Amino acid sequence: YLLSIVCAILCTLSKKQPGSANFDSREVKPTVMFDTLTMKLSSNDLDLVQAALEILVKFTHRQQRKGFVDSNSRSDGIAAVLEAMQHYTELEHIQELACSALCNLLFSSPQLCKTIIVQKGGIDTIVAVMRRYIRNATIQKNACTMLWSIASGNAENKSSIARSGGIFCIVS
């Protein structure tokens, strides 16, 4: 299923059909791939959202320090991941994937990611996920990393994290 989504995305992006002489998946620009994946996060199809997040986690992990997408795309992507987290609160696997993707994005563009997370209510979202899935080590590790990064060098963000119960979650 995942492979068919990737192929469909690549075919759509390239406007060429696989098997044709002029099809080359390497022509797909990272920004276009990133934008397409983040658009899928607003779907009501849970399988599509999960597949998009799985691909996004791998894609952002590989591209962490390469400046792979422009800041507008990154902003939209961060917002889309947060919206998916807020929409699928009961689904641990979605939360784990979303935390991993956000953490990867945070490494690729710390200042921008921090700003968008704070503006979109992401501190409360991250803390809520930590509370709900306290036994999930991947969620806890990525959420702690994100809160540490958001707090670094910003007194207002530190206060917001404390008010949301983030410190309690970190030390629990």
C-alpha atoms as a PDB file:
ATOM      1  CA  TYR A   1       0.000   0.000   0.000  1.00  0.00           C
ATOM      2  CA  LEU A   2       2.756   2.425   0.959  1.00  0.00           C
ATOM      3  CA  LEU A   3       4.698   1.732  -2.215  1.00  0.00           C
ATOM      4  CA  SER A   4       1.625   2.403  -4.356  1.00  0.00           C
ATOM      5  CA  ILE A   5       1.178   5.802  -2.678  1.00  0.00           C
ATOM      6  CA  VAL A   6       4.816   6.698  -3.282  1.00  0.00           C
ATOM      7  CA  CYS A   7       4.546   5.676  -6.944  1.00  0.00           C
ATOM      8  CA  ALA A   8       1.323   7.646  -7.359  1.00  0.00           C
ATOM      9  CA  ILE A   9       2.909  10.725  -5.807  1.00  0.00           C
ATOM     10  CA  LEU A  10       6.000  10.462  -7.981  1.00  0.00           C
ATOM     11  CA  CYS A  11       3.924   9.921 -11.124  1.00  0.00           C
ATOM     12  CA  THR A  12       1.700  12.881 -10.338  1.00  0.00           C
ATOM     13  CA  LEU A  13       4.628  15.116  -9.551  1.00  0.00           C
ATOM     14  CA  SER A  14       6.579  14.214 -12.625  1.00  0.00           C
ATOM     15  CA  LYS A  15       3.529  14.406 -14.944  1.00  0.00           C
ATOM     16  CA  LYS A  16       5.054  11.401 -16.709  1.00  0.00           C
ATOM     17  CA  GLN A  17       4.146   7.747 -16.582  1.00  0.00           C
ATOM     18  CA  PRO A  18       6.482   5.086 -15.202  1.00  0.00           C
ATOM     19  CA  GLY A  19       7.903   3.027 -17.990  1.00  0.00           C
ATOM     20  CA  SER A  20       7.947   5.910 -20.437  1.00  0.00           C
ATOM     21  CA  ALA A  21      11.332   6.847 -21.828  1.00  0.00           C
ATOM     22  CA  ASN A  22      11.373  10.228 -20.116  1.00  0.00           C
ATOM     23  CA  PHE A  23      10.298   9.197 -16.569  1.00  0.00           C
ATOM     24  CA  ASP A  24      12.937   9.830 -13.924  1.00  0.00           C
ATOM     25  CA  SER A  25      11.952   9.955 -10.247  1.00  0.00           C
ATOM     26  CA  ARG A  26      15.150  11.901  -9.505  1.00  0.00           C
ATOM     27  CA  GLU A  27      13.595  14.898 -11.261  1.00  0.00           C
ATOM     28  CA  VAL A  28      11.092  15.307  -8.428  1.00  0.00           C
ATOM     29  CA  LYS A  29      12.211  18.291  -6.383  1.00  0.00           C
ATOM     30  CA  PRO A  30      12.309  17.823  -2.587  1.00  0.00           C
ATOM     31  CA  THR A  31      10.067  20.849  -2.008  1.00  0.00           C
ATOM     32  CA  VAL A  32       7.383  19.428  -4.304  1.00  0.00           C
ATOM     33  CA  MET A  33       7.599  16.030  -2.609  1.00  0.00           C
ATOM     34  CA  PHE A  34       7.407  17.651   0.834  1.00  0.00           C
ATOM     35  CA  ASP A  35       4.433  19.828  -0.151  1.00  0.00           C
ATOM     36  CA  THR A  36       2.569  16.852  -1.600  1.00  0.00           C
ATOM     37  CA  LEU A  37       3.140  14.766   1.522  1.00  0.00           C
ATOM     38  CA  THR A  38       2.012  17.526   3.867  1.00  0.00           C
ATOM     39  CA  MET A  39      -1.146  18.126   1.798  1.00  0.00           C
ATOM     40  CA  LYS A  40      -2.078  14.473   2.354  1.00  0.00           C
ATOM     41  CA  LEU A  41      -2.071  15.070   6.131  1.00  0.00           C
ATOM     42  CA  SER A  42      -5.348  16.993   5.858  1.00  0.00           C
ATOM     43  CA  SER A  43      -7.105  13.988   4.323  1.00  0.00           C
ATOM     44  CA  ASN A  44      -9.901  12.221   6.193  1.00  0.00           C
ATOM     45  CA  ASP A  45      -8.464   8.912   4.995  1.00  0.00           C
ATOM     46  CA  LEU A  46      -6.547   7.552   7.977  1.00  0.00           C
ATOM     47  CA  ASP A  47      -4.508   5.141   5.846  1.00  0.00           C
ATOM     48  CA  LEU A  48      -3.399   8.001   3.613  1.00  0.00           C
ATOM     49  CA  VAL A  49      -2.467  10.188   6.600  1.00  0.00           C
ATOM     50  CA  GLN A  50      -0.487   7.346   8.147  1.00  0.00           C
ATOM     51  CA  ALA A  51       1.307   6.574   4.884  1.00  0.00           C
ATOM     52  CA  ALA A  52       2.109  10.261   4.330  1.00  0.00           C
ATOM     53  CA  LEU A  53       3.516  10.552   7.860  1.00  0.00           C
ATOM     54  CA  GLU A  54       5.615   7.396   7.436  1.00  0.00           C
ATOM     55  CA  ILE A  55       7.120   8.753   4.234  1.00  0.00           C
ATOM     56  CA  LEU A  56       7.528  12.230   5.751  1.00  0.00           C
ATOM     57  CA  VAL A  57       9.462  10.827   8.719  1.00  0.00           C
ATOM     58  CA  LYS A  58      11.892   9.023   6.406  1.00  0.00           C
ATOM     59  CA  PHE A  59      12.123  11.944   3.999  1.00  0.00           C
ATOM     60  CA  THR A  60      12.771  14.547   6.712  1.00  0.00           C
ATOM     61  CA  HIS A  61      15.269  12.280   8.457  1.00  0.00           C
ATOM     62  CA  ARG A  62      17.339  11.951   5.283  1.00  0.00           C
ATOM     63  CA  GLN A  63      17.075  15.638   4.449  1.00  0.00           C
ATOM     64  CA  GLN A  64      17.559  17.084   7.957  1.00  0.00           C
ATOM     65  CA  ARG A  65      20.524  19.332   7.359  1.00  0.00           C
ATOM     66  CA  LYS A  66      20.337  19.894   3.631  1.00  0.00           C
ATOM     67  CA  GLY A  67      18.017  22.903   3.474  1.00  0.00           C
ATOM     68  CA  PHE A  68      15.730  20.691   1.416  1.00  0.00           C
ATOM     69  CA  VAL A  69      12.615  22.874   1.314  1.00  0.00           C
ATOM     70  CA  ASP A  70      11.921  26.577   1.411  1.00  0.00           C
ATOM     71  CA  SER A  71      10.616  28.234   4.560  1.00  0.00           C
ATOM     72  CA  ASN A  72       7.030  28.614   3.288  1.00  0.00           C
ATOM     73  CA  SER A  73       6.779  24.902   2.585  1.00  0.00           C
ATOM     74  CA  ARG A  74       8.362  24.085   5.922  1.00  0.00           C
ATOM     75  CA  SER A  75       5.890  26.366   7.740  1.00  0.00           C
ATOM     76  CA  ASP A  76       2.929  24.718   6.030  1.00  0.00           C
ATOM     77  CA  GLY A  77       4.353  21.274   6.748  1.00  0.00           C
ATOM     78  CA  ILE A  78       4.857  21.972  10.443  1.00  0.00           C
ATOM     79  CA  ALA A  79       1.303  23.307  10.708  1.00  0.00           C
ATOM     80  CA  ALA A  80      -0.064  20.239   8.870  1.00  0.00           C
ATOM     81  CA  VAL A  81       1.748  17.829  11.193  1.00  0.00           C
ATOM     82  CA  LEU A  82       0.407  19.683  14.254  1.00  0.00           C
ATOM     83  CA  GLU A  83      -3.125  19.580  12.821  1.00  0.00           C
ATOM     84  CA  ALA A  84      -2.828  15.824  12.291  1.00  0.00           C
ATOM     85  CA  MET A  85      -1.674  15.461  15.909  1.00  0.00           C
ATOM     86  CA  GLN A  86      -4.648  17.503  17.114  1.00  0.00           C
ATOM     87  CA  HIS A  87      -7.106  15.573  14.936  1.00  0.00           C
ATOM     88  CA  TYR A  88      -5.943  12.013  15.669  1.00  0.00           C
ATOM     89  CA  THR A  89      -5.368  12.270  19.431  1.00  0.00           C
ATOM     90  CA  GLU A  90      -6.544   8.699  20.095  1.00  0.00           C
ATOM     91  CA  LEU A  91      -4.149   7.039  17.651  1.00  0.00           C
ATOM     92  CA  GLU A  92      -0.771   6.349  19.214  1.00  0.00           C
ATOM     93  CA  HIS A  93       0.941   5.347  15.967  1.00  0.00           C
ATOM     94  CA  ILE A  94      -0.086   8.614  14.279  1.00  0.00           C
ATOM     95  CA  GLN A  95       1.183  10.570  17.294  1.00  0.00           C
ATOM     96  CA  GLU A  96       4.495   8.704  17.234  1.00  0.00           C
ATOM     97  CA  LEU A  97       4.999   9.383  13.530  1.00  0.00           C
ATOM     98  CA  ALA A  98       3.985  13.028  13.886  1.00  0.00           C
ATOM     99  CA  CYS A  99       6.384  13.576  16.805  1.00  0.00           C
ATOM    100  CA  SER A 100       9.191  11.988  14.798  1.00  0.00           C
ATOM    101  CA  ALA A 101       8.457  14.173  11.760  1.00  0.00           C
ATOM    102  CA  LEU A 102       8.292  17.356  13.866  1.00  0.00           C
ATOM    103  CA  CYS A 103      11.539  16.476  15.608  1.00  0.00           C
ATOM    104  CA  ASN A 104      13.241  15.964  12.235  1.00  0.00           C
ATOM    105  CA  LEU A 105      11.865  19.286  10.984  1.00  0.00           C
ATOM    106  CA  LEU A 106      13.113  20.977  14.136  1.00  0.00           C
ATOM    107  CA  PHE A 107      16.659  19.866  13.354  1.00  0.00           C
ATOM    108  CA  SER A 108      16.439  21.139   9.782  1.00  0.00           C
ATOM    109  CA  SER A 109      15.192  24.613  10.722  1.00  0.00           C
ATOM    110  CA  PRO A 110      15.178  25.229  14.482  1.00  0.00           C
ATOM    111  CA  GLN A 111      14.094  28.879  14.626  1.00  0.00           C
ATOM    112  CA  LEU A 112      11.324  28.573  12.066  1.00  0.00           C
ATOM    113  CA  CYS A 113      10.030  25.339  13.554  1.00  0.00           C
ATOM    114  CA  LYS A 114      10.014  26.749  17.099  1.00  0.00           C
ATOM    115  CA  THR A 115       8.090  29.817  15.960  1.00  0.00           C
ATOM    116  CA  ILE A 116       5.453  27.834  14.056  1.00  0.00           C
ATOM    117  CA  ILE A 117       5.017  25.291  16.859  1.00  0.00           C
ATOM    118  CA  VAL A 118       4.446  28.068  19.400  1.00  0.00           C
ATOM    119  CA  GLN A 119       2.124  30.057  17.095  1.00  0.00           C
ATOM    120  CA  LYS A 120      -0.020  27.007  16.305  1.00  0.00           C
ATOM    121  CA  GLY A 121      -0.470  25.916  19.928  1.00  0.00           C
ATOM    122  CA  GLY A 122       2.044  23.148  19.522  1.00  0.00           C
ATOM    123  CA  ILE A 123       3.391  23.290  23.066  1.00  0.00           C
ATOM    124  CA  ASP A 124       0.007  22.240  24.464  1.00  0.00           C
ATOM    125  CA  THR A 125      -0.322  19.616  21.732  1.00  0.00           C
ATOM    126  CA  ILE A 126       3.105  18.118  22.474  1.00  0.00           C
ATOM    127  CA  VAL A 127       2.464  18.064  26.231  1.00  0.00           C
ATOM    128  CA  ALA A 128      -0.964  16.450  25.727  1.00  0.00           C
ATOM    129  CA  VAL A 129       0.641  13.710  23.625  1.00  0.00           C
ATOM    130  CA  MET A 130       3.286  13.154  26.312  1.00  0.00           C
ATOM    131  CA  ARG A 131       0.577  12.775  28.965  1.00  0.00           C
ATOM    132  CA  ARG A 132      -1.571  10.436  26.879  1.00  0.00           C
ATOM    133  CA  TYR A 133       1.262   8.139  25.738  1.00  0.00           C
ATOM    134  CA  ILE A 134       3.535   8.146  28.756  1.00  0.00           C
ATOM    135  CA  ARG A 135       4.794   4.592  28.058  1.00  0.00           C
ATOM    136  CA  ASN A 136       5.795   5.237  24.443  1.00  0.00           C
ATOM    137  CA  ALA A 137       9.558   5.823  24.516  1.00  0.00           C
ATOM    138  CA  THR A 138       9.740   7.241  20.974  1.00  0.00           C
ATOM    139  CA  ILE A 139       7.062   9.831  21.688  1.00  0.00           C
ATOM    140  CA  GLN A 140       8.660  10.777  25.011  1.00  0.00           C
ATOM    141  CA  LYS A 141      12.156  11.099  23.511  1.00  0.00           C
ATOM    142  CA  ASN A 142      11.018  13.224  20.570  1.00  0.00           C
ATOM    143  CA  ALA A 143       8.659  15.342  22.672  1.00  0.00           C
ATOM    144  CA  CYS A 144      11.379  16.045  25.265  1.00  0.00           C
ATOM    145  CA  THR A 145      13.791  16.973  22.477  1.00  0.00           C
ATOM    146  CA  MET A 146      11.235  19.353  20.978  1.00  0.00           C
ATOM    147  CA  LEU A 147      10.374  20.997  24.312  1.00  0.00           C
ATOM    148  CA  TRP A 148      14.072  21.411  25.134  1.00  0.00           C
ATOM    149  CA  SER A 149      14.683  23.037  21.754  1.00  0.00           C
ATOM    150  CA  ILE A 150      11.626  25.288  22.021  1.00  0.00           C
ATOM    151  CA  ALA A 151      12.704  26.396  25.517  1.00  0.00           C
ATOM    152  CA  SER A 152      16.359  27.028  24.632  1.00  0.00           C
ATOM    153  CA  GLY A 153      17.159  30.711  24.806  1.00  0.00           C
ATOM    154  CA  ASN A 154      13.546  31.851  25.125  1.00  0.00           C
ATOM    155  CA  ALA A 155      12.129  32.754  28.547  1.00  0.00           C
ATOM    156  CA  GLU A 156       8.588  33.165  27.217  1.00  0.00           C
ATOM    157  CA  ASN A 157       8.623  29.676  25.706  1.00  0.00           C
ATOM    158  CA  LYS A 158      10.005  28.270  28.972  1.00  0.00           C
ATOM    159  CA  SER A 159       7.064  29.829  30.824  1.00  0.00           C
ATOM    160  CA  SER A 160       4.592  28.461  28.274  1.00  0.00           C
ATOM    161  CA  ILE A 161       6.034  24.968  28.667  1.00  0.00           C
ATOM    162  CA  ALA A 162       5.816  25.228  32.459  1.00  0.00           C
ATOM    163  CA  ARG A 163       2.200  26.502  32.313  1.00  0.00           C
ATOM    164  CA  SER A 164       1.176  23.651  30.023  1.00  0.00           C
ATOM    165  CA  GLY A 165       2.577  21.040  32.416  1.00  0.00           C
ATOM    166  CA  GLY A 166       5.564  20.221  30.242  1.00  0.00           C
ATOM    167  CA  ILE A 167       8.089  20.207  33.080  1.00  0.00           C
ATOM    168  CA  PHE A 168       6.026  17.667  35.001  1.00  0.00           C
ATOM    169  CA  CYS A 169       5.826  15.453  31.899  1.00  0.00           C
ATOM    170  CA  ILE A 170       9.573  15.661  31.334  1.00  0.00           C
ATOM    171  CA  VAL A 171      10.492  14.649  34.883  1.00  0.00           C
ATOM    172  CA  SER A 172       7.809  11.946  35.172  1.00  0.00           C
END
